[in-house]
Amino acid sequence: MNILFTLKLVKGIFAILDLFVWARLIISWIPH
């Protein structure tokens, strides 16, 4: 398995997780 491909995959997964965390923070900040 290519190391560069693995690094890109891990970075992509962390980027998606980061987006989910920010989305939840923004949703929690918005008053319902």
PDB file of N, CA and C in Angstrom:
ATOM      1  N   MET A   1       0.851  -1.197   0.000  1.00  0.00           N
ATOM      2  CA  MET A   1       0.000   0.000   0.000  1.00  0.00           C
ATOM      3  C   MET A   1       0.888   1.249   0.000  1.00  0.00           C
ATOM      4  N   ASN A   2       0.514   2.218  -0.790  1.00  0.00           N
ATOM      5  CA  ASN A   2       1.324   3.427  -0.907  1.00  0.00           C
ATOM      6  C   ASN A   2       1.180   4.296   0.333  1.00  0.00           C
ATOM      7  N   ILE A   3       2.321   4.770   0.854  1.00  0.00           N
ATOM      8  CA  ILE A   3       2.296   5.587   2.075  1.00  0.00           C
ATOM      9  C   ILE A   3       1.605   6.923   1.805  1.00  0.00           C
ATOM     10  N   LEU A   4       1.900   7.543   0.655  1.00  0.00           N
ATOM     11  CA  LEU A   4       1.277   8.830   0.336  1.00  0.00           C
ATOM     12  C   LEU A   4      -0.236   8.695   0.233  1.00  0.00           C
ATOM     13  N   PHE A   5      -0.699   7.609  -0.380  1.00  0.00           N
ATOM     14  CA  PHE A   5      -2.146   7.386  -0.508  1.00  0.00           C
ATOM     15  C   PHE A   5      -2.776   7.223   0.867  1.00  0.00           C
ATOM     16  N   THR A   6      -2.084   6.494   1.755  1.00  0.00           N
ATOM     17  CA  THR A   6      -2.600   6.286   3.113  1.00  0.00           C
ATOM     18  C   THR A   6      -2.682   7.614   3.856  1.00  0.00           C
ATOM     19  N   LEU A   7      -1.651   8.451   3.709  1.00  0.00           N
ATOM     20  CA  LEU A   7      -1.658   9.754   4.378  1.00  0.00           C
ATOM     21  C   LEU A   7      -2.809  10.615   3.871  1.00  0.00           C
ATOM     22  N   LYS A   8      -3.024  10.607   2.559  1.00  0.00           N
ATOM     23  CA  LYS A   8      -4.136  11.386   1.988  1.00  0.00           C
ATOM     24  C   LYS A   8      -5.467  10.881   2.526  1.00  0.00           C
ATOM     25  N   LEU A   9      -5.605   9.560   2.620  1.00  0.00           N
ATOM     26  CA  LEU A   9      -6.849   8.972   3.113  1.00  0.00           C
ATOM     27  C   LEU A   9      -7.094   9.382   4.564  1.00  0.00           C
ATOM     28  N   VAL A  10      -6.048   9.299   5.395  1.00  0.00           N
ATOM     29  CA  VAL A  10      -6.180   9.669   6.810  1.00  0.00           C
ATOM     30  C   VAL A  10      -6.520  11.152   6.936  1.00  0.00           C
ATOM     31  N   LYS A  11      -5.846  12.003   6.149  1.00  0.00           N
ATOM     32  CA  LYS A  11      -6.132  13.443   6.200  1.00  0.00           C
ATOM     33  C   LYS A  11      -7.566  13.723   5.776  1.00  0.00           C
ATOM     34  N   GLY A  12      -8.041  13.002   4.772  1.00  0.00           N
ATOM     35  CA  GLY A  12      -9.419  13.180   4.311  1.00  0.00           C
ATOM     36  C   GLY A  12     -10.418  12.789   5.386  1.00  0.00           C
ATOM     37  N   ILE A  13     -10.147  11.669   6.064  1.00  0.00           N
ATOM     38  CA  ILE A  13     -11.058  11.224   7.125  1.00  0.00           C
ATOM     39  C   ILE A  13     -11.070  12.239   8.261  1.00  0.00           C
ATOM     40  N   PHE A  14      -9.880  12.733   8.649  1.00  0.00           N
ATOM     41  CA  PHE A  14      -9.827  13.719   9.729  1.00  0.00           C
ATOM     42  C   PHE A  14     -10.516  15.019   9.323  1.00  0.00           C
ATOM     43  N   ALA A  15     -10.408  15.407   8.042  1.00  0.00           N
ATOM     44  CA  ALA A  15     -11.074  16.622   7.567  1.00  0.00           C
ATOM     45  C   ALA A  15     -12.586  16.471   7.674  1.00  0.00           C
ATOM     46  N   ILE A  16     -13.103  15.287   7.319  1.00  0.00           N
ATOM     47  CA  ILE A  16     -14.549  15.046   7.408  1.00  0.00           C
ATOM     48  C   ILE A  16     -14.995  15.071   8.867  1.00  0.00           C
ATOM     49  N   LEU A  17     -14.221  14.429   9.747  1.00  0.00           N
ATOM     50  CA  LEU A  17     -14.560  14.433  11.177  1.00  0.00           C
ATOM     51  C   LEU A  17     -14.544  15.861  11.711  1.00  0.00           C
ATOM     52  N   ASP A  18     -13.551  16.666  11.286  1.00  0.00           N
ATOM     53  CA  ASP A  18     -13.446  18.053  11.726  1.00  0.00           C
ATOM     54  C   ASP A  18     -14.676  18.840  11.288  1.00  0.00           C
ATOM     55  N   LEU A  19     -15.145  18.610  10.052  1.00  0.00           N
ATOM     56  CA  LEU A  19     -16.345  19.296   9.570  1.00  0.00           C
ATOM     57  C   LEU A  19     -17.555  18.925  10.417  1.00  0.00           C
ATOM     58  N   PHE A  20     -17.682  17.636  10.779  1.00  0.00           N
ATOM     59  CA  PHE A  20     -18.808  17.208  11.610  1.00  0.00           C
ATOM     60  C   PHE A  20     -18.760  17.898  12.972  1.00  0.00           C
ATOM     61  N   VAL A  21     -17.557  18.001  13.560  1.00  0.00           N
ATOM     62  CA  VAL A  21     -17.411  18.643  14.873  1.00  0.00           C
ATOM     63  C   VAL A  21     -17.811  20.110  14.783  1.00  0.00           C
ATOM     64  N   TRP A  22     -17.335  20.815  13.753  1.00  0.00           N
ATOM     65  CA  TRP A  22     -17.681  22.232  13.601  1.00  0.00           C
ATOM     66  C   TRP A  22     -19.176  22.413  13.361  1.00  0.00           C
ATOM     67  N   ALA A  23     -19.767  21.523  12.561  1.00  0.00           N
ATOM     68  CA  ALA A  23     -21.207  21.611  12.292  1.00  0.00           C
ATOM     69  C   ALA A  23     -21.990  21.450  13.593  1.00  0.00           C
ATOM     70  N   ARG A  24     -21.588  20.503  14.437  1.00  0.00           N
ATOM     71  CA  ARG A  24     -22.291  20.294  15.707  1.00  0.00           C
ATOM     72  C   ARG A  24     -22.113  21.496  16.624  1.00  0.00           C
ATOM     73  N   LEU A  25     -20.919  22.102  16.633  1.00  0.00           N
ATOM     74  CA  LEU A  25     -20.687  23.283  17.467  1.00  0.00           C
ATOM     75  C   LEU A  25     -21.575  24.436  17.013  1.00  0.00           C
ATOM     76  N   ILE A  26     -21.634  24.664  15.695  1.00  0.00           N
ATOM     77  CA  ILE A  26     -22.451  25.759  15.158  1.00  0.00           C
ATOM     78  C   ILE A  26     -23.923  25.514  15.468  1.00  0.00           C
ATOM     79  N   ILE A  27     -24.378  24.259  15.294  1.00  0.00           N
ATOM     80  CA  ILE A  27     -25.787  23.944  15.573  1.00  0.00           C
ATOM     81  C   ILE A  27     -26.095  24.164  17.051  1.00  0.00           C
ATOM     82  N   SER A  28     -25.156  23.806  17.932  1.00  0.00           N
ATOM     83  CA  SER A  28     -25.397  23.966  19.369  1.00  0.00           C
ATOM     84  C   SER A  28     -25.387  25.444  19.751  1.00  0.00           C
ATOM     85  N   TRP A  29     -24.634  26.282  19.000  1.00  0.00           N
ATOM     86  CA  TRP A  29     -24.591  27.709  19.323  1.00  0.00           C
ATOM     87  C   TRP A  29     -25.858  28.434  18.868  1.00  0.00           C
ATOM     88  N   ILE A  30     -26.486  27.937  17.788  1.00  0.00           N
ATOM     89  CA  ILE A  30     -27.686  28.611  17.274  1.00  0.00           C
ATOM     90  C   ILE A  30     -28.853  28.354  18.235  1.00  0.00           C
ATOM     91  N   PRO A  31     -29.473  29.431  18.743  1.00  0.00           N
ATOM     92  CA  PRO A  31     -30.618  29.239  19.649  1.00  0.00           C
ATOM     93  C   PRO A  31     -31.825  28.680  18.906  1.00  0.00           C
ATOM     94  N   HIS A  32     -32.447  27.671  19.479  1.00  0.00           N
ATOM     95  CA  HIS A  32     -33.607  27.049  18.831  1.00  0.00           C
ATOM     96  C   HIS A  32     -34.894  27.753  19.234  1.00  0.00           C
TER      97      HIS A  32
END
